[in-house]
Amino acid sequence: RVLIGGDIILAVNDQPIDGWLSYLEFIEL
């Protein structure tokens, strides 16, 4: 089961984000 219909994060602070782990790493570091 997948929850859908939400926004898609493409970048954080103009840094491209390719997936969930990439997002977590950028926010943390």
PDB file of all heavy atoms in Angstrom:
ATOM      1  N   ARG A   1       0.842  -1.186   0.000  1.00  0.00           N
ATOM      2  CA  ARG A   1       0.000   0.000   0.000  1.00  0.00           C
ATOM      3  C   ARG A   1       0.883   1.244   0.000  1.00  0.00           C
ATOM      4  O   ARG A   1       1.816   1.365   0.795  1.00  0.00           O
ATOM      5  CB  ARG A   1      -0.892   0.015   1.241  1.00  0.00           C
ATOM      6  CG  ARG A   1      -1.888   1.173   1.261  1.00  0.00           C
ATOM      7  CD  ARG A   1      -2.643   1.229   2.555  1.00  0.00           C
ATOM      8  NE  ARG A   1      -1.756   1.521   3.684  1.00  0.00           N
ATOM      9  CZ  ARG A   1      -2.172   1.940   4.874  1.00  0.00           C
ATOM     10  NH1 ARG A   1      -3.461   2.085   5.107  1.00  0.00           N
ATOM     11  NH2 ARG A   1      -1.324   2.180   5.840  1.00  0.00           N
ATOM     12  N   VAL A   2       0.608   2.161  -0.897  1.00  0.00           N
ATOM     13  CA  VAL A   2       1.405   3.378  -1.037  1.00  0.00           C
ATOM     14  C   VAL A   2       0.489   4.582  -0.881  1.00  0.00           C
ATOM     15  O   VAL A   2      -0.601   4.631  -1.468  1.00  0.00           O
ATOM     16  CB  VAL A   2       2.122   3.425  -2.410  1.00  0.00           C
ATOM     17  CG1 VAL A   2       2.925   4.704  -2.552  1.00  0.00           C
ATOM     18  CG2 VAL A   2       3.014   2.210  -2.584  1.00  0.00           C
ATOM     19  N   LEU A   3       0.934   5.551  -0.072  1.00  0.00           N
ATOM     20  CA  LEU A   3       0.203   6.800   0.112  1.00  0.00           C
ATOM     21  C   LEU A   3       0.629   7.766  -0.983  1.00  0.00           C
ATOM     22  O   LEU A   3       1.830   8.057  -1.128  1.00  0.00           O
ATOM     23  CB  LEU A   3       0.489   7.384   1.497  1.00  0.00           C
ATOM     24  CG  LEU A   3       0.139   6.484   2.682  1.00  0.00           C
ATOM     25  CD1 LEU A   3       0.540   7.143   3.992  1.00  0.00           C
ATOM     26  CD2 LEU A   3      -1.345   6.159   2.693  1.00  0.00           C
ATOM     27  N   ILE A   4      -0.308   8.278  -1.749  1.00  0.00           N
ATOM     28  CA  ILE A   4       0.020   9.087  -2.919  1.00  0.00           C
ATOM     29  C   ILE A   4      -0.759  10.397  -2.902  1.00  0.00           C
ATOM     30  O   ILE A   4      -1.644  10.605  -2.074  1.00  0.00           O
ATOM     31  CB  ILE A   4      -0.260   8.329  -4.240  1.00  0.00           C
ATOM     32  CG1 ILE A   4      -1.757   8.033  -4.361  1.00  0.00           C
ATOM     33  CG2 ILE A   4       0.550   7.043  -4.292  1.00  0.00           C
ATOM     34  CD1 ILE A   4      -2.136   7.419  -5.708  1.00  0.00           C
ATOM     35  N   GLY A   5      -0.405  11.270  -3.853  1.00  0.00           N
ATOM     36  CA  GLY A   5      -1.109  12.541  -4.007  1.00  0.00           C
ATOM     37  C   GLY A   5      -0.400  13.713  -3.367  1.00  0.00           C
ATOM     38  O   GLY A   5      -0.844  14.865  -3.515  1.00  0.00           O
ATOM     39  N   GLY A   6       0.708  13.466  -2.647  1.00  0.00           N
ATOM     40  CA  GLY A   6       1.428  14.551  -1.991  1.00  0.00           C
ATOM     41  C   GLY A   6       2.432  15.222  -2.912  1.00  0.00           C
ATOM     42  O   GLY A   6       2.653  14.814  -4.052  1.00  0.00           O
ATOM     43  N   ASP A   7       3.049  16.290  -2.416  1.00  0.00           N
ATOM     44  CA  ASP A   7       4.100  16.980  -3.153  1.00  0.00           C
ATOM     45  C   ASP A   7       5.296  16.052  -3.343  1.00  0.00           C
ATOM     46  O   ASP A   7       5.514  15.102  -2.570  1.00  0.00           O
ATOM     47  CB  ASP A   7       4.560  18.233  -2.401  1.00  0.00           C
ATOM     48  CG  ASP A   7       3.485  19.308  -2.344  1.00  0.00           C
ATOM     49  OD1 ASP A   7       2.612  19.324  -3.237  1.00  0.00           O
ATOM     50  OD2 ASP A   7       3.520  20.122  -1.394  1.00  0.00           O
ATOM     51  N   ILE A   8       6.104  16.348  -4.362  1.00  0.00           N
ATOM     52  CA  ILE A   8       7.346  15.614  -4.615  1.00  0.00           C
ATOM     53  C   ILE A   8       8.514  16.573  -4.401  1.00  0.00           C
ATOM     54  O   ILE A   8       8.572  17.635  -5.048  1.00  0.00           O
ATOM     55  CB  ILE A   8       7.383  15.042  -6.041  1.00  0.00           C
ATOM     56  CG1 ILE A   8       6.249  14.036  -6.235  1.00  0.00           C
ATOM     57  CG2 ILE A   8       8.725  14.371  -6.310  1.00  0.00           C
ATOM     58  CD1 ILE A   8       6.157  13.513  -7.663  1.00  0.00           C
ATOM     59  N   ILE A   9       9.420  16.223  -3.499  1.00  0.00           N
ATOM     60  CA  ILE A   9      10.605  17.057  -3.259  1.00  0.00           C
ATOM     61  C   ILE A   9      11.617  16.797  -4.367  1.00  0.00           C
ATOM     62  O   ILE A   9      12.055  15.666  -4.573  1.00  0.00           O
ATOM     63  CB  ILE A   9      11.236  16.743  -1.891  1.00  0.00           C
ATOM     64  CG1 ILE A   9      10.231  16.984  -0.764  1.00  0.00           C
ATOM     65  CG2 ILE A   9      12.489  17.588  -1.673  1.00  0.00           C
ATOM     66  CD1 ILE A   9      10.752  16.581   0.608  1.00  0.00           C
ATOM     67  N   LEU A  10      11.986  17.866  -5.065  1.00  0.00           N
ATOM     68  CA  LEU A  10      12.983  17.765  -6.133  1.00  0.00           C
ATOM     69  C   LEU A  10      14.357  18.248  -5.668  1.00  0.00           C
ATOM     70  O   LEU A  10      15.390  17.744  -6.135  1.00  0.00           O
ATOM     71  CB  LEU A  10      12.546  18.581  -7.353  1.00  0.00           C
ATOM     72  CG  LEU A  10      11.200  18.198  -7.986  1.00  0.00           C
ATOM     73  CD1 LEU A  10      10.902  19.129  -9.158  1.00  0.00           C
ATOM     74  CD2 LEU A  10      11.212  16.742  -8.428  1.00  0.00           C
ATOM     75  N   ALA A  11      14.379  19.256  -4.770  1.00  0.00           N
ATOM     76  CA  ALA A  11      15.647  19.822  -4.318  1.00  0.00           C
ATOM     77  C   ALA A  11      15.454  20.461  -2.945  1.00  0.00           C
ATOM     78  O   ALA A  11      14.343  20.871  -2.585  1.00  0.00           O
ATOM     79  CB  ALA A  11      16.174  20.853  -5.313  1.00  0.00           C
ATOM     80  N   VAL A  12      16.552  20.512  -2.183  1.00  0.00           N
ATOM     81  CA  VAL A  12      16.582  21.234  -0.913  1.00  0.00           C
ATOM     82  C   VAL A  12      17.723  22.241  -1.005  1.00  0.00           C
ATOM     83  O   VAL A  12      18.870  21.866  -1.277  1.00  0.00           O
ATOM     84  CB  VAL A  12      16.801  20.292   0.279  1.00  0.00           C
ATOM     85  CG1 VAL A  12      16.831  21.089   1.581  1.00  0.00           C
ATOM     86  CG2 VAL A  12      15.721  19.215   0.328  1.00  0.00           C
ATOM     87  N   ASN A  13      17.403  23.519  -0.797  1.00  0.00           N
ATOM     88  CA  ASN A  13      18.396  24.594  -0.952  1.00  0.00           C
ATOM     89  C   ASN A  13      19.110  24.490  -2.302  1.00  0.00           C
ATOM     90  O   ASN A  13      20.343  24.617  -2.394  1.00  0.00           O
ATOM     91  CB  ASN A  13      19.415  24.563   0.191  1.00  0.00           C
ATOM     92  CG  ASN A  13      18.799  24.976   1.521  1.00  0.00           C
ATOM     93  OD1 ASN A  13      17.650  25.415   1.579  1.00  0.00           O
ATOM     94  ND2 ASN A  13      19.550  24.820   2.595  1.00  0.00           N
ATOM     95  N   ASP A  14      18.327  24.189  -3.331  1.00  0.00           N
ATOM     96  CA  ASP A  14      18.812  24.069  -4.717  1.00  0.00           C
ATOM     97  C   ASP A  14      19.714  22.856  -4.950  1.00  0.00           C
ATOM     98  O   ASP A  14      20.290  22.727  -6.032  1.00  0.00           O
ATOM     99  CB  ASP A  14      19.557  25.337  -5.158  1.00  0.00           C
ATOM    100  CG  ASP A  14      18.646  26.559  -5.179  1.00  0.00           C
ATOM    101  OD1 ASP A  14      17.455  26.400  -5.532  1.00  0.00           O
ATOM    102  OD2 ASP A  14      19.116  27.657  -4.829  1.00  0.00           O
ATOM    103  N   GLN A  15      19.832  21.981  -3.962  1.00  0.00           N
ATOM    104  CA  GLN A  15      20.603  20.754  -4.121  1.00  0.00           C
ATOM    105  C   GLN A  15      19.648  19.641  -4.561  1.00  0.00           C
ATOM    106  O   GLN A  15      18.711  19.295  -3.833  1.00  0.00           O
ATOM    107  CB  GLN A  15      21.276  20.355  -2.805  1.00  0.00           C
ATOM    108  CG  GLN A  15      22.002  19.027  -2.825  1.00  0.00           C
ATOM    109  CD  GLN A  15      23.219  19.041  -3.721  1.00  0.00           C
ATOM    110  OE1 GLN A  15      23.934  20.024  -3.786  1.00  0.00           O
ATOM    111  NE2 GLN A  15      23.449  17.948  -4.432  1.00  0.00           N
ATOM    112  N   PRO A  16      19.851  19.056  -5.764  1.00  0.00           N
ATOM    113  CA  PRO A  16      18.941  17.992  -6.221  1.00  0.00           C
ATOM    114  C   PRO A  16      18.896  16.825  -5.234  1.00  0.00           C
ATOM    115  O   PRO A  16      19.911  16.420  -4.669  1.00  0.00           O
ATOM    116  CB  PRO A  16      19.555  17.560  -7.553  1.00  0.00           C
ATOM    117  CG  PRO A  16      20.335  18.741  -8.014  1.00  0.00           C
ATOM    118  CD  PRO A  16      20.886  19.381  -6.765  1.00  0.00           C
ATOM    119  N   ILE A  17      17.694  16.290  -5.044  1.00  0.00           N
ATOM    120  CA  ILE A  17      17.470  15.170  -4.129  1.00  0.00           C
ATOM    121  C   ILE A  17      16.965  13.988  -4.951  1.00  0.00           C
ATOM    122  O   ILE A  17      15.953  14.088  -5.641  1.00  0.00           O
ATOM    123  CB  ILE A  17      16.429  15.540  -3.051  1.00  0.00           C
ATOM    124  CG1 ILE A  17      16.935  16.714  -2.199  1.00  0.00           C
ATOM    125  CG2 ILE A  17      16.094  14.339  -2.180  1.00  0.00           C
ATOM    126  CD1 ILE A  17      18.194  16.440  -1.422  1.00  0.00           C
ATOM    127  N   ASP A  18      17.685  12.859  -4.890  1.00  0.00           N
ATOM    128  CA  ASP A  18      17.295  11.717  -5.724  1.00  0.00           C
ATOM    129  C   ASP A  18      16.488  10.665  -4.970  1.00  0.00           C
ATOM    130  O   ASP A  18      15.981   9.721  -5.577  1.00  0.00           O
ATOM    131  CB  ASP A  18      18.511  11.070  -6.381  1.00  0.00           C
ATOM    132  CG  ASP A  18      19.512  10.545  -5.366  1.00  0.00           C
ATOM    133  OD1 ASP A  18      19.172  10.442  -4.168  1.00  0.00           O
ATOM    134  OD2 ASP A  18      20.653  10.239  -5.775  1.00  0.00           O
ATOM    135  N   GLY A  19      16.370  10.796  -3.644  1.00  0.00           N
ATOM    136  CA  GLY A  19      15.606   9.816  -2.885  1.00  0.00           C
ATOM    137  C   GLY A  19      15.568  10.157  -1.407  1.00  0.00           C
ATOM    138  O   GLY A  19      16.126  11.167  -0.959  1.00  0.00           O
ATOM    139  N   TRP A  20      14.908   9.301  -0.645  1.00  0.00           N
ATOM    140  CA  TRP A  20      14.695   9.551   0.784  1.00  0.00           C
ATOM    141  C   TRP A  20      16.006   9.632   1.556  1.00  0.00           C
ATOM    142  O   TRP A  20      16.190  10.504   2.404  1.00  0.00           O
ATOM    143  CB  TRP A  20      13.794   8.468   1.352  1.00  0.00           C
ATOM    144  CG  TRP A  20      13.522   8.586   2.827  1.00  0.00           C
ATOM    145  CD1 TRP A  20      13.866   7.710   3.801  1.00  0.00           C
ATOM    146  CD2 TRP A  20      12.832   9.663   3.489  1.00  0.00           C
ATOM    147  NE1 TRP A  20      13.445   8.163   5.037  1.00  0.00           N
ATOM    148  CE2 TRP A  20      12.795   9.365   4.866  1.00  0.00           C
ATOM    149  CE3 TRP A  20      12.237  10.845   3.044  1.00  0.00           C
ATOM    150  CZ2 TRP A  20      12.217  10.195   5.807  1.00  0.00           C
ATOM    151  CZ3 TRP A  20      11.646  11.690   3.994  1.00  0.00           C
ATOM    152  CH2 TRP A  20      11.633  11.358   5.347  1.00  0.00           C
ATOM    153  N   LEU A  21      16.946   8.730   1.272  1.00  0.00           N
ATOM    154  CA  LEU A  21      18.217   8.743   1.985  1.00  0.00           C
ATOM    155  C   LEU A  21      19.010  10.009   1.660  1.00  0.00           C
ATOM    156  O   LEU A  21      19.649  10.594   2.540  1.00  0.00           O
ATOM    157  CB  LEU A  21      19.027   7.494   1.627  1.00  0.00           C
ATOM    158  CG  LEU A  21      20.159   7.120   2.590  1.00  0.00           C
ATOM    159  CD1 LEU A  21      19.623   6.859   3.978  1.00  0.00           C
ATOM    160  CD2 LEU A  21      20.902   5.899   2.076  1.00  0.00           C
ATOM    161  N   SER A  22      18.949  10.428   0.426  1.00  0.00           N
ATOM    162  CA  SER A  22      19.610  11.664   0.017  1.00  0.00           C
ATOM    163  C   SER A  22      19.022  12.865   0.752  1.00  0.00           C
ATOM    164  O   SER A  22      19.751  13.771   1.190  1.00  0.00           O
ATOM    165  CB  SER A  22      19.479  11.848  -1.492  1.00  0.00           C
ATOM    166  OG  SER A  22      19.929  13.110  -1.912  1.00  0.00           O
ATOM    167  N   TYR A  23      17.705  12.861   0.914  1.00  0.00           N
ATOM    168  CA  TYR A  23      17.040  13.942   1.660  1.00  0.00           C
ATOM    169  C   TYR A  23      17.487  13.963   3.116  1.00  0.00           C
ATOM    170  O   TYR A  23      17.862  15.019   3.653  1.00  0.00           O
ATOM    171  CB  TYR A  23      15.522  13.768   1.569  1.00  0.00           C
ATOM    172  CG  TYR A  23      14.744  14.545   2.599  1.00  0.00           C
ATOM    173  CD1 TYR A  23      14.475  15.896   2.429  1.00  0.00           C
ATOM    174  CD2 TYR A  23      14.293  13.918   3.766  1.00  0.00           C
ATOM    175  CE1 TYR A  23      13.776  16.613   3.393  1.00  0.00           C
ATOM    176  CE2 TYR A  23      13.598  14.623   4.732  1.00  0.00           C
ATOM    177  CZ  TYR A  23      13.341  15.965   4.543  1.00  0.00           C
ATOM    178  OH  TYR A  23      12.656  16.677   5.496  1.00  0.00           O
ATOM    179  N   LEU A  24      17.467  12.798   3.763  1.00  0.00           N
ATOM    180  CA  LEU A  24      17.865  12.729   5.178  1.00  0.00           C
ATOM    181  C   LEU A  24      19.306  13.189   5.372  1.00  0.00           C
ATOM    182  O   LEU A  24      19.617  13.913   6.327  1.00  0.00           O
ATOM    183  CB  LEU A  24      17.706  11.301   5.694  1.00  0.00           C
ATOM    184  CG  LEU A  24      16.284  10.769   5.868  1.00  0.00           C
ATOM    185  CD1 LEU A  24      16.329   9.318   6.341  1.00  0.00           C
ATOM    186  CD2 LEU A  24      15.495  11.615   6.849  1.00  0.00           C
ATOM    187  N   GLU A  25      20.193  12.764   4.469  1.00  0.00           N
ATOM    188  CA  GLU A  25      21.609  13.131   4.597  1.00  0.00           C
ATOM    189  C   GLU A  25      21.807  14.642   4.459  1.00  0.00           C
ATOM    190  O   GLU A  25      22.566  15.253   5.222  1.00  0.00           O
ATOM    191  CB  GLU A  25      22.429  12.392   3.542  1.00  0.00           C
ATOM    192  CG  GLU A  25      23.920  12.679   3.623  1.00  0.00           C
ATOM    193  CD  GLU A  25      24.727  11.827   2.674  1.00  0.00           C
ATOM    194  OE1 GLU A  25      24.134  11.025   1.926  1.00  0.00           O
ATOM    195  OE2 GLU A  25      25.968  11.972   2.666  1.00  0.00           O
ATOM    196  N   PHE A  26      21.119  15.247   3.495  1.00  0.00           N
ATOM    197  CA  PHE A  26      21.282  16.689   3.311  1.00  0.00           C
ATOM    198  C   PHE A  26      20.776  17.456   4.531  1.00  0.00           C
ATOM    199  O   PHE A  26      21.442  18.384   5.013  1.00  0.00           O
ATOM    200  CB  PHE A  26      20.547  17.162   2.058  1.00  0.00           C
ATOM    201  CG  PHE A  26      20.812  18.601   1.727  1.00  0.00           C
ATOM    202  CD1 PHE A  26      21.859  18.948   0.894  1.00  0.00           C
ATOM    203  CD2 PHE A  26      20.027  19.621   2.268  1.00  0.00           C
ATOM    204  CE1 PHE A  26      22.128  20.278   0.596  1.00  0.00           C
ATOM    205  CE2 PHE A  26      20.288  20.948   1.977  1.00  0.00           C
ATOM    206  CZ  PHE A  26      21.333  21.285   1.144  1.00  0.00           C
ATOM    207  N   ILE A  27      19.604  17.100   5.033  1.00  0.00           N
ATOM    208  CA  ILE A  27      19.048  17.803   6.190  1.00  0.00           C
ATOM    209  C   ILE A  27      19.966  17.656   7.398  1.00  0.00           C
ATOM    210  O   ILE A  27      20.228  18.623   8.130  1.00  0.00           O
ATOM    211  CB  ILE A  27      17.632  17.284   6.513  1.00  0.00           C
ATOM    212  CG1 ILE A  27      16.655  17.611   5.376  1.00  0.00           C
ATOM    213  CG2 ILE A  27      17.124  17.862   7.836  1.00  0.00           C
ATOM    214  CD1 ILE A  27      16.485  19.088   5.121  1.00  0.00           C
ATOM    215  N   GLU A  28      20.510  16.449   7.604  1.00  0.00           N
ATOM    216  CA  GLU A  28      21.356  16.204   8.778  1.00  0.00           C
ATOM    217  C   GLU A  28      22.697  16.925   8.699  1.00  0.00           C
ATOM    218  O   GLU A  28      23.153  17.512   9.680  1.00  0.00           O
ATOM    219  CB  GLU A  28      21.582  14.698   8.947  1.00  0.00           C
ATOM    220  CG  GLU A  28      22.571  14.318  10.029  1.00  0.00           C
ATOM    221  CD  GLU A  28      22.121  14.673  11.435  1.00  0.00           C
ATOM    222  OE1 GLU A  28      20.911  14.835  11.666  1.00  0.00           O
ATOM    223  OE2 GLU A  28      22.995  14.788  12.320  1.00  0.00           O
ATOM    224  N   LEU A  29      23.331  16.874   7.537  1.00  0.00           N
ATOM    225  CA  LEU A  29      24.705  17.371   7.428  1.00  0.00           C
ATOM    226  C   LEU A  29      24.810  18.814   6.961  1.00  0.00           C
ATOM    227  O   LEU A  29      25.810  19.488   7.253  1.00  0.00           O
ATOM    228  CB  LEU A  29      25.505  16.479   6.471  1.00  0.00           C
ATOM    229  CG  LEU A  29      25.629  15.000   6.855  1.00  0.00           C
ATOM    230  CD1 LEU A  29      26.512  14.275   5.847  1.00  0.00           C
ATOM    231  CD2 LEU A  29      26.183  14.842   8.262  1.00  0.00           C
TER     232      LEU A  29
END
